[in-house]
PDB file of N, CA and C in Angstrom:
ATOM      1  N   MET A   1       0.844  -1.174   0.000  1.00  0.00           N
ATOM      2  CA  MET A   1       0.000   0.000   0.000  1.00  0.00           C
ATOM      3  C   MET A   1       0.892   1.242   0.000  1.00  0.00           C
ATOM      4  N   ALA A   2       0.569   2.215  -0.799  1.00  0.00           N
ATOM      5  CA  ALA A   2       1.365   3.435  -0.907  1.00  0.00           C
ATOM      6  C   ALA A   2       1.165   4.319   0.317  1.00  0.00           C
ATOM      7  N   PRO A   3       2.217   5.041   0.720  1.00  0.00           N
ATOM      8  CA  PRO A   3       2.063   5.960   1.848  1.00  0.00           C
ATOM      9  C   PRO A   3       1.170   7.131   1.467  1.00  0.00           C
ATOM     10  N   SER A   4       0.624   7.793   2.476  1.00  0.00           N
ATOM     11  CA  SER A   4      -0.228   8.956   2.237  1.00  0.00           C
ATOM     12  C   SER A   4       0.571  10.076   1.588  1.00  0.00           C
ATOM     13  N   GLN A   5      -0.047  10.792   0.689  1.00  0.00           N
ATOM     14  CA  GLN A   5       0.565  11.942   0.043  1.00  0.00           C
ATOM     15  C   GLN A   5      -0.335  13.151   0.241  1.00  0.00           C
ATOM     16  N   TYR A   6       0.247  14.258   0.707  1.00  0.00           N
ATOM     17  CA  TYR A   6      -0.521  15.489   0.868  1.00  0.00           C
ATOM     18  C   TYR A   6      -0.819  16.040  -0.511  1.00  0.00           C
ATOM     19  N   THR A   7      -2.083  16.319  -0.798  1.00  0.00           N
ATOM     20  CA  THR A   7      -2.470  16.766  -2.134  1.00  0.00           C
ATOM     21  C   THR A   7      -3.071  18.161  -2.160  1.00  0.00           C
ATOM     22  N   GLY A   8      -3.110  18.829  -1.049  1.00  0.00           N
ATOM     23  CA  GLY A   8      -3.685  20.169  -0.995  1.00  0.00           C
ATOM     24  C   GLY A   8      -4.274  20.428   0.366  1.00  0.00           C
ATOM     25  N   GLN A   9      -4.963  21.548   0.492  1.00  0.00           N
ATOM     26  CA  GLN A   9      -5.514  21.951   1.782  1.00  0.00           C
ATOM     27  C   GLN A   9      -6.406  20.867   2.376  1.00  0.00           C
ATOM     28  N   ASN A  10      -5.981  20.311   3.514  1.00  0.00           N
ATOM     29  CA  ASN A  10      -6.740  19.294   4.245  1.00  0.00           C
ATOM     30  C   ASN A  10      -7.113  18.089   3.391  1.00  0.00           C
ATOM     31  N   SER A  11      -6.275  17.734   2.437  1.00  0.00           N
ATOM     32  CA  SER A  11      -6.597  16.634   1.546  1.00  0.00           C
ATOM     33  C   SER A  11      -5.404  15.693   1.432  1.00  0.00           C
ATOM     34  N   TYR A  12      -5.643  14.414   1.648  1.00  0.00           N
ATOM     35  CA  TYR A  12      -4.582  13.414   1.575  1.00  0.00           C
ATOM     36  C   TYR A  12      -5.027  12.254   0.707  1.00  0.00           C
ATOM     37  N   GLU A  13      -4.073  11.725  -0.103  1.00  0.00           N
ATOM     38  CA  GLU A  13      -4.320  10.497  -0.834  1.00  0.00           C
ATOM     39  C   GLU A  13      -3.777   9.363   0.005  1.00  0.00           C
ATOM     40  N   GLY A  14      -4.374   8.237  -0.072  1.00  0.00           N
ATOM     41  CA  GLY A  14      -3.912   7.117   0.735  1.00  0.00           C
ATOM     42  C   GLY A  14      -4.863   6.915   1.902  1.00  0.00           C
ATOM     43  N   GLU A  15      -4.489   6.005   2.777  1.00  0.00           N
ATOM     44  CA  GLU A  15      -5.414   5.615   3.825  1.00  0.00           C
ATOM     45  C   GLU A  15      -5.441   6.523   5.032  1.00  0.00           C
ATOM     46  N   ARG A  16      -4.290   7.024   5.461  1.00  0.00           N
ATOM     47  CA  ARG A  16      -4.248   7.757   6.724  1.00  0.00           C
ATOM     48  C   ARG A  16      -3.651   9.141   6.557  1.00  0.00           C
ATOM     49  N   ARG A  17      -4.187  10.068   7.336  1.00  0.00           N
ATOM     50  CA  ARG A  17      -3.656  11.414   7.402  1.00  0.00           C
ATOM     51  C   ARG A  17      -2.554  11.432   8.464  1.00  0.00           C
ATOM     52  N   PRO A  18      -1.448  12.137   8.233  1.00  0.00           N
ATOM     53  CA  PRO A  18      -0.395  12.203   9.248  1.00  0.00           C
ATOM     54  C   PRO A  18      -0.941  12.726  10.568  1.00  0.00           C
ATOM     55  N   ARG A  19      -0.441  12.173  11.671  1.00  0.00           N
ATOM     56  CA  ARG A  19      -0.911  12.567  12.999  1.00  0.00           C
ATOM     57  C   ARG A  19       0.077  13.501  13.664  1.00  0.00           C
ATOM     58  N   ASP A  20      -0.455  14.235  14.621  1.00  0.00           N
ATOM     59  CA  ASP A  20       0.377  15.087  15.456  1.00  0.00           C
ATOM     60  C   ASP A  20       1.322  14.186  16.240  1.00  0.00           C
ATOM     61  N   GLU A  21       2.592  14.486  16.235  1.00  0.00           N
ATOM     62  CA  GLU A  21       3.587  13.639  16.888  1.00  0.00           C
ATOM     63  C   GLU A  21       3.834  14.027  18.345  1.00  0.00           C
ATOM     64  N   ALA A  22       3.030  14.939  18.912  1.00  0.00           N
ATOM     65  CA  ALA A  22       3.230  15.367  20.299  1.00  0.00           C
ATOM     66  C   ALA A  22       3.063  14.186  21.249  1.00  0.00           C
ATOM     67  N   ALA A  23       3.866  14.194  22.300  1.00  0.00           N
ATOM     68  CA  ALA A  23       3.737  13.156  23.326  1.00  0.00           C
ATOM     69  C   ALA A  23       2.339  13.245  23.926  1.00  0.00           C
ATOM     70  N   PRO A  24       1.695  12.106  24.157  1.00  0.00           N
ATOM     71  CA  PRO A  24       0.313  12.134  24.637  1.00  0.00           C
ATOM     72  C   PRO A  24       0.155  12.800  26.000  1.00  0.00           C
ATOM     73  N   ASP A  25       1.222  12.873  26.776  1.00  0.00           N
ATOM     74  CA  ASP A  25       1.107  13.486  28.097  1.00  0.00           C
ATOM     75  C   ASP A  25       1.449  14.976  28.092  1.00  0.00           C
ATOM     76  N   THR A  26       1.575  15.582  26.905  1.00  0.00           N
ATOM     77  CA  THR A  26       1.798  17.025  26.814  1.00  0.00           C
ATOM     78  C   THR A  26       0.689  17.738  26.052  1.00  0.00           C
ATOM     79  N   LYS A  27      -0.192  16.976  25.406  1.00  0.00           N
ATOM     80  CA  LYS A  27      -1.260  17.566  24.600  1.00  0.00           C
ATOM     81  C   LYS A  27      -2.556  17.602  25.407  1.00  0.00           C
ATOM     82  N   LEU A  28      -3.156  18.794  25.486  1.00  0.00           N
ATOM     83  CA  LEU A  28      -4.364  19.002  26.273  1.00  0.00           C
ATOM     84  C   LEU A  28      -5.571  19.234  25.383  1.00  0.00           C
ATOM     85  N   PHE A  29      -6.700  18.670  25.778  1.00  0.00           N
ATOM     86  CA  PHE A  29      -7.984  18.978  25.163  1.00  0.00           C
ATOM     87  C   PHE A  29      -8.574  20.145  25.937  1.00  0.00           C
ATOM     88  N   VAL A  30      -9.062  21.158  25.231  1.00  0.00           N
ATOM     89  CA  VAL A  30      -9.703  22.307  25.868  1.00  0.00           C
ATOM     90  C   VAL A  30     -11.106  22.425  25.284  1.00  0.00           C
ATOM     91  N   GLY A  31     -12.109  22.192  26.122  1.00  0.00           N
ATOM     92  CA  GLY A  31     -13.494  22.239  25.681  1.00  0.00           C
ATOM     93  C   GLY A  31     -14.229  23.448  26.219  1.00  0.00           C
ATOM     94  N   ASN A  32     -15.373  23.734  25.609  1.00  0.00           N
ATOM     95  CA  ASN A  32     -16.256  24.837  25.985  1.00  0.00           C
ATOM     96  C   ASN A  32     -15.600  26.194  25.735  1.00  0.00           C
ATOM     97  N   ILE A  33     -14.820  26.284  24.664  1.00  0.00           N
ATOM     98  CA  ILE A  33     -14.169  27.540  24.277  1.00  0.00           C
ATOM     99  C   ILE A  33     -15.217  28.456  23.653  1.00  0.00           C
ATOM    100  N   SER A  34     -15.114  29.745  23.928  1.00  0.00           N
ATOM    101  CA  SER A  34     -16.059  30.701  23.341  1.00  0.00           C
ATOM    102  C   SER A  34     -15.870  30.752  21.825  1.00  0.00           C
ATOM    103  N   TRP A  35     -16.932  31.119  21.116  1.00  0.00           N
ATOM    104  CA  TRP A  35     -16.886  31.146  19.652  1.00  0.00           C
ATOM    105  C   TRP A  35     -15.863  32.149  19.135  1.00  0.00           C
ATOM    106  N   GLY A  36     -15.559  33.182  19.910  1.00  0.00           N
ATOM    107  CA  GLY A  36     -14.644  34.222  19.448  1.00  0.00           C
ATOM    108  C   GLY A  36     -13.193  34.014  19.829  1.00  0.00           C
ATOM    109  N   CYS A  37     -12.874  32.948  20.530  1.00  0.00           N
ATOM    110  CA  CYS A  37     -11.503  32.704  20.997  1.00  0.00           C
ATOM    111  C   CYS A  37     -10.598  32.324  19.821  1.00  0.00           C
ATOM    112  N   SER A  38      -9.431  32.956  19.759  1.00  0.00           N
ATOM    113  CA  SER A  38      -8.467  32.674  18.685  1.00  0.00           C
ATOM    114  C   SER A  38      -7.365  31.738  19.178  1.00  0.00           C
ATOM    115  N   ASP A  39      -6.599  31.205  18.231  1.00  0.00           N
ATOM    116  CA  ASP A  39      -5.440  30.381  18.574  1.00  0.00           C
ATOM    117  C   ASP A  39      -4.487  31.173  19.470  1.00  0.00           C
ATOM    118  N   LYS A  40      -4.268  32.431  19.104  1.00  0.00           N
ATOM    119  CA  LYS A  40      -3.346  33.282  19.855  1.00  0.00           C
ATOM    120  C   LYS A  40      -3.825  33.492  21.288  1.00  0.00           C
ATOM    121  N   GLU A  41      -5.113  33.781  21.464  1.00  0.00           N
ATOM    122  CA  GLU A  41      -5.656  33.987  22.805  1.00  0.00           C
ATOM    123  C   GLU A  41      -5.528  32.714  23.643  1.00  0.00           C
ATOM    124  N   LEU A  42      -5.781  31.570  23.037  1.00  0.00           N
ATOM    125  CA  LEU A  42      -5.652  30.293  23.739  1.00  0.00           C
ATOM    126  C   LEU A  42      -4.199  30.069  24.165  1.00  0.00           C
ATOM    127  N   ALA A  43      -3.259  30.338  23.265  1.00  0.00           N
ATOM    128  CA  ALA A  43      -1.835  30.175  23.580  1.00  0.00           C
ATOM    129  C   ALA A  43      -1.402  31.121  24.693  1.00  0.00           C
ATOM    130  N   GLU A  44      -1.843  32.362  24.635  1.00  0.00           N
ATOM    131  CA  GLU A  44      -1.473  33.335  25.667  1.00  0.00           C
ATOM    132  C   GLU A  44      -2.040  32.947  27.024  1.00  0.00           C
ATOM    133  N   THR A  45      -3.262  32.453  27.042  1.00  0.00           N
ATOM    134  CA  THR A  45      -3.897  32.052  28.295  1.00  0.00           C
ATOM    135  C   THR A  45      -3.150  30.888  28.935  1.00  0.00           C
ATOM    136  N   PHE A  46      -2.850  29.866  28.152  1.00  0.00           N
ATOM    137  CA  PHE A  46      -2.151  28.699  28.691  1.00  0.00           C
ATOM    138  C   PHE A  46      -0.666  28.989  28.921  1.00  0.00           C
ATOM    139  N   GLY A  47      -0.121  29.974  28.225  1.00  0.00           N
ATOM    140  CA  GLY A  47       1.269  30.355  28.400  1.00  0.00           C
ATOM    141  C   GLY A  47       1.577  30.889  29.788  1.00  0.00           C
ATOM    142  N   GLN A  48       0.564  31.253  30.529  1.00  0.00           N
ATOM    143  CA  GLN A  48       0.749  31.703  31.911  1.00  0.00           C
ATOM    144  C   GLN A  48       1.138  30.537  32.816  1.00  0.00           C
ATOM    145  N   HIS A  49       0.995  29.317  32.320  1.00  0.00           N
ATOM    146  CA  HIS A  49       1.235  28.124  33.139  1.00  0.00           C
ATOM    147  C   HIS A  49       2.343  27.237  32.589  1.00  0.00           C
ATOM    148  N   GLY A  50       3.105  27.742  31.615  1.00  0.00           N
ATOM    149  CA  GLY A  50       4.204  26.979  31.052  1.00  0.00           C
ATOM    150  C   GLY A  50       4.442  27.362  29.603  1.00  0.00           C
ATOM    151  N   ASN A  51       5.375  26.682  28.980  1.00  0.00           N
ATOM    152  CA  ASN A  51       5.733  26.951  27.593  1.00  0.00           C
ATOM    153  C   ASN A  51       4.773  26.230  26.642  1.00  0.00           C
ATOM    154  N   VAL A  52       4.054  26.996  25.831  1.00  0.00           N
ATOM    155  CA  VAL A  52       3.104  26.439  24.866  1.00  0.00           C
ATOM    156  C   VAL A  52       3.819  26.233  23.532  1.00  0.00           C
ATOM    157  N   LEU A  53       3.817  24.998  23.049  1.00  0.00           N
ATOM    158  CA  LEU A  53       4.418  24.688  21.751  1.00  0.00           C
ATOM    159  C   LEU A  53       3.438  24.929  20.613  1.00  0.00           C
ATOM    160  N   ASN A  54       2.158  24.682  20.875  1.00  0.00           N
ATOM    161  CA  ASN A  54       1.130  24.812  19.845  1.00  0.00           C
ATOM    162  C   ASN A  54      -0.225  24.999  20.513  1.00  0.00           C
ATOM    163  N   ALA A  55      -1.060  25.818  19.911  1.00  0.00           N
ATOM    164  CA  ALA A  55      -2.433  25.990  20.386  1.00  0.00           C
ATOM    165  C   ALA A  55      -3.316  26.199  19.167  1.00  0.00           C
ATOM    166  N   VAL A  56      -4.403  25.452  19.108  1.00  0.00           N
ATOM    167  CA  VAL A  56      -5.299  25.565  17.963  1.00  0.00           C
ATOM    168  C   VAL A  56      -6.747  25.411  18.413  1.00  0.00           C
ATOM    169  N   VAL A  57      -7.583  26.326  17.928  1.00  0.00           N
ATOM    170  CA  VAL A  57      -9.026  26.227  18.107  1.00  0.00           C
ATOM    171  C   VAL A  57      -9.552  25.601  16.822  1.00  0.00           C
ATOM    172  N   LEU A  58     -10.248  24.472  16.923  1.00  0.00           N
ATOM    173  CA  LEU A  58     -10.743  23.810  15.725  1.00  0.00           C
ATOM    174  C   LEU A  58     -11.920  24.572  15.136  1.00  0.00           C
ATOM    175  N   LYS A  59     -11.924  24.632  13.800  1.00  0.00           N
ATOM    176  CA  LYS A  59     -12.953  25.392  13.097  1.00  0.00           C
ATOM    177  C   LYS A  59     -13.701  24.492  12.119  1.00  0.00           C
ATOM    178  N   ASP A  60     -14.947  24.821  11.888  1.00  0.00           N
ATOM    179  CA  ASP A  60     -15.768  24.113  10.916  1.00  0.00           C
ATOM    180  C   ASP A  60     -15.208  24.375   9.516  1.00  0.00           C
ATOM    181  N   ARG A  61     -15.034  23.337   8.720  1.00  0.00           N
ATOM    182  CA  ARG A  61     -14.474  23.490   7.373  1.00  0.00           C
ATOM    183  C   ARG A  61     -15.350  24.344   6.470  1.00  0.00           C
ATOM    184  N   GLU A  62     -16.643  24.195   6.602  1.00  0.00           N
ATOM    185  CA  GLU A  62     -17.575  24.895   5.710  1.00  0.00           C
ATOM    186  C   GLU A  62     -17.718  26.372   6.065  1.00  0.00           C
ATOM    187  N   THR A  63     -17.893  26.660   7.365  1.00  0.00           N
ATOM    188  CA  THR A  63     -18.207  28.026   7.794  1.00  0.00           C
ATOM    189  C   THR A  63     -17.006  28.794   8.327  1.00  0.00           C
ATOM    190  N   GLY A  64     -15.957  28.079   8.738  1.00  0.00           N
ATOM    191  CA  GLY A  64     -14.807  28.734   9.342  1.00  0.00           C
ATOM    192  C   GLY A  64     -15.044  29.151  10.782  1.00  0.00           C
ATOM    193  N   ARG A  65     -16.197  28.804  11.313  1.00  0.00           N
ATOM    194  CA  ARG A  65     -16.566  29.172  12.682  1.00  0.00           C
ATOM    195  C   ARG A  65     -15.985  28.157  13.675  1.00  0.00           C
ATOM    196  N   SER A  66     -15.645  28.647  14.864  1.00  0.00           N
ATOM    197  CA  SER A  66     -15.109  27.780  15.908  1.00  0.00           C
ATOM    198  C   SER A  66     -16.060  26.626  16.193  1.00  0.00           C
ATOM    199  N   ARG A  67     -15.484  25.468  16.496  1.00  0.00           N
ATOM    200  CA  ARG A  67     -16.291  24.310  16.888  1.00  0.00           C
ATOM    201  C   ARG A  67     -16.426  24.231  18.404  1.00  0.00           C
ATOM    202  N   GLY A  68     -15.818  25.190  19.120  1.00  0.00           N
ATOM    203  CA  GLY A  68     -15.985  25.259  20.568  1.00  0.00           C
ATOM    204  C   GLY A  68     -14.999  24.427  21.368  1.00  0.00           C
ATOM    205  N   PHE A  69     -13.978  23.896  20.694  1.00  0.00           N
ATOM    206  CA  PHE A  69     -12.940  23.165  21.417  1.00  0.00           C
ATOM    207  C   PHE A  69     -11.617  23.297  20.669  1.00  0.00           C
ATOM    208  N   GLY A  70     -10.552  22.927  21.355  1.00  0.00           N
ATOM    209  CA  GLY A  70      -9.241  23.017  20.739  1.00  0.00           C
ATOM    210  C   GLY A  70      -8.230  22.175  21.485  1.00  0.00           C
ATOM    211  N   PHE A  71      -6.982  22.328  21.090  1.00  0.00           N
ATOM    212  CA  PHE A  71      -5.894  21.573  21.696  1.00  0.00           C
ATOM    213  C   PHE A  71      -4.725  22.506  21.967  1.00  0.00           C
ATOM    214  N   VAL A  72      -4.061  22.262  23.091  1.00  0.00           N
ATOM    215  CA  VAL A  72      -2.861  23.004  23.461  1.00  0.00           C
ATOM    216  C   VAL A  72      -1.776  21.976  23.755  1.00  0.00           C
ATOM    217  N   THR A  73      -0.602  22.161  23.167  1.00  0.00           N
ATOM    218  CA  THR A  73       0.527  21.277  23.445  1.00  0.00           C
ATOM    219  C   THR A  73       1.542  22.043  24.277  1.00  0.00           C
ATOM    220  N   MET A  74       1.807  21.520  25.461  1.00  0.00           N
ATOM    221  CA  MET A  74       2.784  22.116  26.372  1.00  0.00           C
ATOM    222  C   MET A  74       4.144  21.457  26.124  1.00  0.00           C
ATOM    223  N   SER A  75       5.216  22.076  26.616  1.00  0.00           N
ATOM    224  CA  SER A  75       6.558  21.562  26.319  1.00  0.00           C
ATOM    225  C   SER A  75       6.978  20.379  27.181  1.00  0.00           C
ATOM    226  N   SER A  76       6.282  20.134  28.294  1.00  0.00           N
ATOM    227  CA  SER A  76       6.652  18.992  29.135  1.00  0.00           C
ATOM    228  C   SER A  76       5.413  18.437  29.831  1.00  0.00           C
ATOM    229  N   PRO A  77       5.467  17.177  30.249  1.00  0.00           N
ATOM    230  CA  PRO A  77       4.345  16.602  30.996  1.00  0.00           C
ATOM    231  C   PRO A  77       4.062  17.364  32.292  1.00  0.00           C
ATOM    232  N   GLU A  78       5.113  17.877  32.931  1.00  0.00           N
ATOM    233  CA  GLU A  78       4.926  18.627  34.174  1.00  0.00           C
ATOM    234  C   GLU A  78       4.147  19.913  33.920  1.00  0.00           C
ATOM    235  N   GLU A  79       4.497  20.627  32.852  1.00  0.00           N
ATOM    236  CA  GLU A  79       3.776  21.854  32.513  1.00  0.00           C
ATOM    237  C   GLU A  79       2.342  21.544  32.105  1.00  0.00           C
ATOM    238  N   ALA A  80       2.141  20.439  31.415  1.00  0.00           N
ATOM    239  CA  ALA A  80       0.787  20.040  31.032  1.00  0.00           C
ATOM    240  C   ALA A  80      -0.056  19.781  32.274  1.00  0.00           C
ATOM    241  N   SER A  81       0.513  19.093  33.248  1.00  0.00           N
ATOM    242  CA  SER A  81      -0.202  18.804  34.490  1.00  0.00           C
ATOM    243  C   SER A  81      -0.556  20.085  35.239  1.00  0.00           C
ATOM    244  N   VAL A  82       0.394  21.016  35.304  1.00  0.00           N
ATOM    245  CA  VAL A  82       0.147  22.308  35.958  1.00  0.00           C
ATOM    246  C   VAL A  82      -0.978  23.050  35.239  1.00  0.00           C
ATOM    247  N   ALA A  83      -0.951  23.053  33.904  1.00  0.00           N
ATOM    248  CA  ALA A  83      -1.965  23.763  33.127  1.00  0.00           C
ATOM    249  C   ALA A  83      -3.351  23.150  33.325  1.00  0.00           C
ATOM    250  N   VAL A  84      -3.446  21.823  33.368  1.00  0.00           N
ATOM    251  CA  VAL A  84      -4.741  21.168  33.599  1.00  0.00           C
ATOM    252  C   VAL A  84      -5.287  21.586  34.959  1.00  0.00           C
ATOM    253  N   THR A  85      -4.454  21.504  35.983  1.00  0.00           N
ATOM    254  CA  THR A  85      -4.882  21.852  37.338  1.00  0.00           C
ATOM    255  C   THR A  85      -5.305  23.317  37.425  1.00  0.00           C
ATOM    256  N   ALA A  86      -4.531  24.195  36.792  1.00  0.00           N
ATOM    257  CA  ALA A  86      -4.804  25.627  36.874  1.00  0.00           C
ATOM    258  C   ALA A  86      -6.000  26.057  36.029  1.00  0.00           C
ATOM    259  N   MET A  87      -6.192  25.448  34.869  1.00  0.00           N
ATOM    260  CA  MET A  87      -7.174  25.957  33.906  1.00  0.00           C
ATOM    261  C   MET A  87      -8.511  25.232  33.886  1.00  0.00           C
ATOM    262  N   ASP A  88      -8.572  23.985  34.327  1.00  0.00           N
ATOM    263  CA  ASP A  88      -9.850  23.267  34.297  1.00  0.00           C
ATOM    264  C   ASP A  88     -10.849  23.976  35.209  1.00  0.00           C
ATOM    265  N   GLY A  89     -11.969  24.375  34.639  1.00  0.00           N
ATOM    266  CA  GLY A  89     -13.006  25.062  35.400  1.00  0.00           C
ATOM    267  C   GLY A  89     -12.876  26.574  35.423  1.00  0.00           C
ATOM    268  N   GLN A  90     -11.768  27.105  34.885  1.00  0.00           N
ATOM    269  CA  GLN A  90     -11.586  28.556  34.842  1.00  0.00           C
ATOM    270  C   GLN A  90     -12.444  29.158  33.732  1.00  0.00           C
ATOM    271  N   THR A  91     -12.735  30.441  33.864  1.00  0.00           N
ATOM    272  CA  THR A  91     -13.566  31.138  32.891  1.00  0.00           C
ATOM    273  C   THR A  91     -12.695  31.902  31.904  1.00  0.00           C
ATOM    274  N   LEU A  92     -12.983  31.738  30.622  1.00  0.00           N
ATOM    275  CA  LEU A  92     -12.328  32.479  29.549  1.00  0.00           C
ATOM    276  C   LEU A  92     -13.421  33.002  28.632  1.00  0.00           C
ATOM    277  N   ASP A  93     -13.467  34.300  28.449  1.00  0.00           N
ATOM    278  CA  ASP A  93     -14.497  34.935  27.608  1.00  0.00           C
ATOM    279  C   ASP A  93     -15.907  34.527  28.027  1.00  0.00           C
ATOM    280  N   GLY A  94     -16.126  34.426  29.343  1.00  0.00           N
ATOM    281  CA  GLY A  94     -17.456  34.121  29.858  1.00  0.00           C
ATOM    282  C   GLY A  94     -17.850  32.655  29.820  1.00  0.00           C
ATOM    283  N   ARG A  95     -16.929  31.776  29.452  1.00  0.00           N
ATOM    284  CA  ARG A  95     -17.236  30.334  29.377  1.00  0.00           C
ATOM    285  C   ARG A  95     -16.315  29.570  30.310  1.00  0.00           C
ATOM    286  N   GLN A  96     -16.874  28.572  30.996  1.00  0.00           N
ATOM    287  CA  GLN A  96     -16.090  27.748  31.912  1.00  0.00           C
ATOM    288  C   GLN A  96     -15.403  26.636  31.117  1.00  0.00           C
ATOM    289  N   LEU A  97     -14.071  26.676  31.091  1.00  0.00           N
ATOM    290  CA  LEU A  97     -13.293  25.717  30.300  1.00  0.00           C
ATOM    291  C   LEU A  97     -13.285  24.331  30.925  1.00  0.00           C
ATOM    292  N   ARG A  98     -13.246  23.330  30.067  1.00  0.00           N
ATOM    293  CA  ARG A  98     -12.991  21.941  30.478  1.00  0.00           C
ATOM    294  C   ARG A  98     -11.634  21.583  29.895  1.00  0.00           C
ATOM    295  N   VAL A  99     -10.700  21.253  30.762  1.00  0.00           N
ATOM    296  CA  VAL A  99      -9.331  20.975  30.316  1.00  0.00           C
ATOM    297  C   VAL A  99      -8.883  19.636  30.875  1.00  0.00           C
ATOM    298  N   ASN A 100      -8.380  18.773  30.003  1.00  0.00           N
ATOM    299  CA  ASN A 100      -7.796  17.506  30.436  1.00  0.00           C
ATOM    300  C   ASN A 100      -6.797  17.030  29.390  1.00  0.00           C
ATOM    301  N   LEU A 101      -6.049  15.992  29.730  1.00  0.00           N
ATOM    302  CA  LEU A 101      -5.121  15.434  28.752  1.00  0.00           C
ATOM    303  C   LEU A 101      -5.913  14.907  27.564  1.00  0.00           C
ATOM    304  N   ALA A 102      -5.406  15.161  26.371  1.00  0.00           N
ATOM    305  CA  ALA A 102      -6.082  14.704  25.158  1.00  0.00           C
ATOM    306  C   ALA A 102      -5.967  13.192  25.047  1.00  0.00           C
ATOM    307  N   ASN A 103      -7.012  12.566  24.562  1.00  0.00           N
ATOM    308  CA  ASN A 103      -7.000  11.123  24.302  1.00  0.00           C
ATOM    309  C   ASN A 103      -6.400  10.874  22.934  1.00  0.00           C
ATOM    310  N   SER A 104      -5.637   9.800  22.798  1.00  0.00           N
ATOM    311  CA  SER A 104      -5.099   9.466  21.481  1.00  0.00           C
ATOM    312  C   SER A 104      -6.233   8.926  20.617  1.00  0.00           C
ATOM    313  N   ARG A 105      -6.080   9.061  19.309  1.00  0.00           N
ATOM    314  CA  ARG A 105      -7.123   8.624  18.372  1.00  0.00           C
ATOM    315  C   ARG A 105      -6.834   7.243  17.818  1.00  0.00           C
ATOM    316  N   SER A 106      -6.109   6.433  18.532  1.00  0.00           N
ATOM    317  CA  SER A 106      -5.705   5.123  18.018  1.00  0.00           C
ATOM    318  C   SER A 106      -6.824   4.177  17.785  1.00  0.00           C
TER     319      SER A 106
END
């Protein structure tokens, strides 16, 4: 079977799309994000609790509107743990965040 080939925006040929290679104990799921929250705002908020390698608010492909959740990758498992403890249940833009370690999609 041929390996996946990137063919354009969000499009892959082959069976599987490449996965994020972040260690599972550094990637956080952030739920209940406000519709207006940006990647930058999410990174700045979590950056108060450690070094953020990546932060993304997922958006609907058709409308470009936030889907209300995202992922933040911290630089170490210790920083990820601190961020979960500090941010779970906190309010951002009037919404109470749900933060926990992201589950792998295996």
